[in-house]
Amino acid sequence: MLAVAQSYINSAPWLAISPGIAIFLAVLGFNLLGDGVRDGVGPSGLRKLSGC
């Protein structure tokens, strides 16, 4: 989508901004999800969950 929008960037910048924001939000979401899983499943996360 970004490659197609590259030729229209001067006349219609939203064609590149919209997919760019969607990609940014998807990457941010996966990073936050990965951090949460790492914190919950890792060795220090297991101690947090068990209360020790």
PDB file of N, CA and C in Angstrom:
ATOM      1  N   MET A   1       0.822  -1.183   0.000  1.00  0.00           N
ATOM      2  CA  MET A   1       0.000   0.000   0.000  1.00  0.00           C
ATOM      3  C   MET A   1       0.873   1.256   0.000  1.00  0.00           C
ATOM      4  N   LEU A   2       1.934   1.216   0.772  1.00  0.00           N
ATOM      5  CA  LEU A   2       2.802   2.391   0.822  1.00  0.00           C
ATOM      6  C   LEU A   2       3.523   2.616  -0.500  1.00  0.00           C
ATOM      7  N   ALA A   3       3.892   1.546  -1.194  1.00  0.00           N
ATOM      8  CA  ALA A   3       4.580   1.692  -2.471  1.00  0.00           C
ATOM      9  C   ALA A   3       3.666   2.318  -3.520  1.00  0.00           C
ATOM     10  N   VAL A   4       2.397   1.953  -3.522  1.00  0.00           N
ATOM     11  CA  VAL A   4       1.435   2.531  -4.461  1.00  0.00           C
ATOM     12  C   VAL A   4       1.204   4.001  -4.142  1.00  0.00           C
ATOM     13  N   ALA A   5       1.137   4.341  -2.883  1.00  0.00           N
ATOM     14  CA  ALA A   5       0.867   5.717  -2.470  1.00  0.00           C
ATOM     15  C   ALA A   5       2.059   6.634  -2.703  1.00  0.00           C
ATOM     16  N   GLN A   6       3.224   6.069  -2.939  1.00  0.00           N
ATOM     17  CA  GLN A   6       4.422   6.883  -3.094  1.00  0.00           C
ATOM     18  C   GLN A   6       4.317   7.833  -4.287  1.00  0.00           C
ATOM     19  N   SER A   7       3.663   7.410  -5.357  1.00  0.00           N
ATOM     20  CA  SER A   7       3.535   8.282  -6.524  1.00  0.00           C
ATOM     21  C   SER A   7       2.511   9.395  -6.301  1.00  0.00           C
ATOM     22  N   TYR A   8       1.629   9.245  -5.321  1.00  0.00           N
ATOM     23  CA  TYR A   8       0.597  10.246  -5.045  1.00  0.00           C
ATOM     24  C   TYR A   8       0.890  11.079  -3.792  1.00  0.00           C
ATOM     25  N   ILE A   9       2.076  10.994  -3.255  1.00  0.00           N
ATOM     26  CA  ILE A   9       2.380  11.611  -1.966  1.00  0.00           C
ATOM     27  C   ILE A   9       2.202  13.129  -1.995  1.00  0.00           C
ATOM     28  N   ASN A  10       2.465  13.771  -3.113  1.00  0.00           N
ATOM     29  CA  ASN A  10       2.319  15.224  -3.186  1.00  0.00           C
ATOM     30  C   ASN A  10       0.863  15.661  -3.301  1.00  0.00           C
ATOM     31  N   SER A  11       0.061  14.932  -4.038  1.00  0.00           N
ATOM     32  CA  SER A  11      -1.329  15.351  -4.253  1.00  0.00           C
ATOM     33  C   SER A  11      -2.288  14.804  -3.203  1.00  0.00           C
ATOM     34  N   ALA A  12      -1.997  13.647  -2.623  1.00  0.00           N
ATOM     35  CA  ALA A  12      -2.895  13.041  -1.634  1.00  0.00           C
ATOM     36  C   ALA A  12      -2.065  12.357  -0.549  1.00  0.00           C
ATOM     37  N   PRO A  13      -1.566  13.118   0.416  1.00  0.00           N
ATOM     38  CA  PRO A  13      -0.667  12.532   1.423  1.00  0.00           C
ATOM     39  C   PRO A  13      -1.341  11.522   2.342  1.00  0.00           C
ATOM     40  N   TRP A  14      -2.653  11.576   2.486  1.00  0.00           N
ATOM     41  CA  TRP A  14      -3.339  10.625   3.369  1.00  0.00           C
ATOM     42  C   TRP A  14      -3.252   9.199   2.849  1.00  0.00           C
ATOM     43  N   LEU A  15      -2.971   9.028   1.547  1.00  0.00           N
ATOM     44  CA  LEU A  15      -2.825   7.677   1.001  1.00  0.00           C
ATOM     45  C   LEU A  15      -1.595   6.974   1.578  1.00  0.00           C
ATOM     46  N   ALA A  16      -0.600   7.725   2.003  1.00  0.00           N
ATOM     47  CA  ALA A  16       0.587   7.133   2.615  1.00  0.00           C
ATOM     48  C   ALA A  16       0.505   7.185   4.132  1.00  0.00           C
ATOM     49  N   ILE A  17      -0.160   8.187   4.663  1.00  0.00           N
ATOM     50  CA  ILE A  17      -0.219   8.353   6.118  1.00  0.00           C
ATOM     51  C   ILE A  17      -1.093   7.282   6.764  1.00  0.00           C
ATOM     52  N   SER A  18      -2.238   6.994   6.169  1.00  0.00           N
ATOM     53  CA  SER A  18      -3.164   6.008   6.764  1.00  0.00           C
ATOM     54  C   SER A  18      -2.547   4.617   6.906  1.00  0.00           C
ATOM     55  N   PRO A  19      -1.986   4.027   5.840  1.00  0.00           N
ATOM     56  CA  PRO A  19      -1.355   2.711   6.019  1.00  0.00           C
ATOM     57  C   PRO A  19      -0.130   2.767   6.922  1.00  0.00           C
ATOM     58  N   GLY A  20       0.589   3.894   6.892  1.00  0.00           N
ATOM     59  CA  GLY A  20       1.753   4.034   7.766  1.00  0.00           C
ATOM     60  C   GLY A  20       1.360   4.003   9.228  1.00  0.00           C
ATOM     61  N   ILE A  21       0.275   4.685   9.573  1.00  0.00           N
ATOM     62  CA  ILE A  21      -0.218   4.677  10.955  1.00  0.00           C
ATOM     63  C   ILE A  21      -0.710   3.285  11.332  1.00  0.00           C
ATOM     64  N   ALA A  22      -1.381   2.599  10.400  1.00  0.00           N
ATOM     65  CA  ALA A  22      -1.858   1.239  10.678  1.00  0.00           C
ATOM     66  C   ALA A  22      -0.689   0.289  10.943  1.00  0.00           C
ATOM     67  N   ILE A  23       0.364   0.392  10.155  1.00  0.00           N
ATOM     68  CA  ILE A  23       1.548  -0.450  10.363  1.00  0.00           C
ATOM     69  C   ILE A  23       2.191  -0.125  11.696  1.00  0.00           C
ATOM     70  N   PHE A  24       2.307   1.158  12.022  1.00  0.00           N
ATOM     71  CA  PHE A  24       2.887   1.584  13.294  1.00  0.00           C
ATOM     72  C   PHE A  24       2.101   1.021  14.471  1.00  0.00           C
ATOM     73  N   LEU A  25       0.781   1.111  14.421  1.00  0.00           N
ATOM     74  CA  LEU A  25      -0.046   0.614  15.523  1.00  0.00           C
ATOM     75  C   LEU A  25       0.028  -0.906  15.657  1.00  0.00           C
ATOM     76  N   ALA A  26       0.109  -1.604  14.524  1.00  0.00           N
ATOM     77  CA  ALA A  26       0.227  -3.063  14.571  1.00  0.00           C
ATOM     78  C   ALA A  26       1.561  -3.475  15.210  1.00  0.00           C
ATOM     79  N   VAL A  27       2.645  -2.834  14.818  1.00  0.00           N
ATOM     80  CA  VAL A  27       3.957  -3.150  15.389  1.00  0.00           C
ATOM     81  C   VAL A  27       3.989  -2.808  16.868  1.00  0.00           C
ATOM     82  N   LEU A  28       3.445  -1.655  17.241  1.00  0.00           N
ATOM     83  CA  LEU A  28       3.403  -1.261  18.646  1.00  0.00           C
ATOM     84  C   LEU A  28       2.588  -2.261  19.467  1.00  0.00           C
ATOM     85  N   GLY A  29       1.453  -2.691  18.933  1.00  0.00           N
ATOM     86  CA  GLY A  29       0.620  -3.668  19.641  1.00  0.00           C
ATOM     87  C   GLY A  29       1.336  -4.989  19.853  1.00  0.00           C
ATOM     88  N   PHE A  30       2.022  -5.487  18.825  1.00  0.00           N
ATOM     89  CA  PHE A  30       2.754  -6.742  18.968  1.00  0.00           C
ATOM     90  C   PHE A  30       3.906  -6.603  19.956  1.00  0.00           C
ATOM     91  N   ASN A  31       4.561  -5.450  19.964  1.00  0.00           N
ATOM     92  CA  ASN A  31       5.645  -5.236  20.930  1.00  0.00           C
ATOM     93  C   ASN A  31       5.113  -5.220  22.356  1.00  0.00           C
ATOM     94  N   LEU A  32       4.010  -4.536  22.581  1.00  0.00           N
ATOM     95  CA  LEU A  32       3.433  -4.500  23.922  1.00  0.00           C
ATOM     96  C   LEU A  32       2.927  -5.882  24.341  1.00  0.00           C
ATOM     97  N   LEU A  33       2.339  -6.608  23.415  1.00  0.00           N
ATOM     98  CA  LEU A  33       1.888  -7.966  23.708  1.00  0.00           C
ATOM     99  C   LEU A  33       3.070  -8.864  24.059  1.00  0.00           C
ATOM    100  N   GLY A  34       4.145  -8.756  23.304  1.00  0.00           N
ATOM    101  CA  GLY A  34       5.336  -9.550  23.581  1.00  0.00           C
ATOM    102  C   GLY A  34       5.950  -9.214  24.930  1.00  0.00           C
ATOM    103  N   ASP A  35       5.968  -7.936  25.293  1.00  0.00           N
ATOM    104  CA  ASP A  35       6.482  -7.539  26.608  1.00  0.00           C
ATOM    105  C   ASP A  35       5.622  -8.113  27.727  1.00  0.00           C
ATOM    106  N   GLY A  36       4.319  -8.077  27.538  1.00  0.00           N
ATOM    107  CA  GLY A  36       3.421  -8.622  28.551  1.00  0.00           C
ATOM    108  C   GLY A  36       3.583 -10.121  28.718  1.00  0.00           C
ATOM    109  N   VAL A  37       3.710 -10.825  27.613  1.00  0.00           N
ATOM    110  CA  VAL A  37       3.904 -12.280  27.682  1.00  0.00           C
ATOM    111  C   VAL A  37       5.241 -12.600  28.330  1.00  0.00           C
ATOM    112  N   ARG A  38       6.288 -11.859  27.964  1.00  0.00           N
ATOM    113  CA  ARG A  38       7.601 -12.084  28.561  1.00  0.00           C
ATOM    114  C   ARG A  38       7.571 -11.838  30.061  1.00  0.00           C
ATOM    115  N   ASP A  39       6.918 -10.768  30.478  1.00  0.00           N
ATOM    116  CA  ASP A  39       6.838 -10.471  31.902  1.00  0.00           C
ATOM    117  C   ASP A  39       6.007 -11.504  32.650  1.00  0.00           C
ATOM    118  N   GLY A  40       4.972 -12.016  32.024  1.00  0.00           N
ATOM    119  CA  GLY A  40       4.102 -12.976  32.692  1.00  0.00           C
ATOM    120  C   GLY A  40       4.642 -14.388  32.717  1.00  0.00           C
ATOM    121  N   VAL A  41       5.422 -14.763  31.714  1.00  0.00           N
ATOM    122  CA  VAL A  41       5.886 -16.146  31.586  1.00  0.00           C
ATOM    123  C   VAL A  41       7.321 -16.324  32.051  1.00  0.00           C
ATOM    124  N   GLY A  42       8.110 -15.262  32.040  1.00  0.00           N
ATOM    125  CA  GLY A  42       9.515 -15.359  32.412  1.00  0.00           C
ATOM    126  C   GLY A  42       9.699 -15.758  33.863  1.00  0.00           C
ATOM    127  N   PRO A  43      10.928 -16.092  34.260  1.00  0.00           N
ATOM    128  CA  PRO A  43      11.193 -16.540  35.636  1.00  0.00           C
ATOM    129  C   PRO A  43      10.781 -15.516  36.692  1.00  0.00           C
ATOM    130  N   SER A  44      11.037 -14.245  36.463  1.00  0.00           N
ATOM    131  CA  SER A  44      10.635 -13.253  37.455  1.00  0.00           C
ATOM    132  C   SER A  44       9.123 -13.074  37.442  1.00  0.00           C
ATOM    133  N   GLY A  45       8.475 -13.286  36.298  1.00  0.00           N
ATOM    134  CA  GLY A  45       7.027 -13.169  36.213  1.00  0.00           C
ATOM    135  C   GLY A  45       6.312 -14.270  36.977  1.00  0.00           C
ATOM    136  N   LEU A  46       6.900 -15.456  37.016  1.00  0.00           N
ATOM    137  CA  LEU A  46       6.280 -16.549  37.760  1.00  0.00           C
ATOM    138  C   LEU A  46       6.297 -16.270  39.251  1.00  0.00           C
ATOM    139  N   ARG A  47       7.352 -15.632  39.726  1.00  0.00           N
ATOM    140  CA  ARG A  47       7.402 -15.271  41.156  1.00  0.00           C
ATOM    141  C   ARG A  47       6.353 -14.213  41.475  1.00  0.00           C
ATOM    142  N   LYS A  48       6.119 -13.296  40.570  1.00  0.00           N
ATOM    143  CA  LYS A  48       5.102 -12.267  40.771  1.00  0.00           C
ATOM    144  C   LYS A  48       3.721 -12.894  40.880  1.00  0.00           C
ATOM    145  N   LEU A  49       3.457 -13.871  40.018  1.00  0.00           N
ATOM    146  CA  LEU A  49       2.141 -14.503  40.000  1.00  0.00           C
ATOM    147  C   LEU A  49       1.907 -15.380  41.222  1.00  0.00           C
ATOM    148  N   SER A  50       2.957 -16.039  41.735  1.00  0.00           N
ATOM    149  CA  SER A  50       2.781 -16.947  42.866  1.00  0.00           C
ATOM    150  C   SER A  50       2.800 -16.222  44.195  1.00  0.00           C
ATOM    151  N   GLY A  51       3.245 -14.981  44.211  1.00  0.00           N
ATOM    152  CA  GLY A  51       3.269 -14.206  45.445  1.00  0.00           C
ATOM    153  C   GLY A  51       4.489 -14.435  46.316  1.00  0.00           C
ATOM    154  N   CYS A  52       5.506 -15.116  45.819  1.00  0.00           N
ATOM    155  CA  CYS A  52       6.729 -15.362  46.595  1.00  0.00           C
ATOM    156  C   CYS A  52       7.678 -14.215  46.500  1.00  0.00           C
TER     157      CYS A  52
END
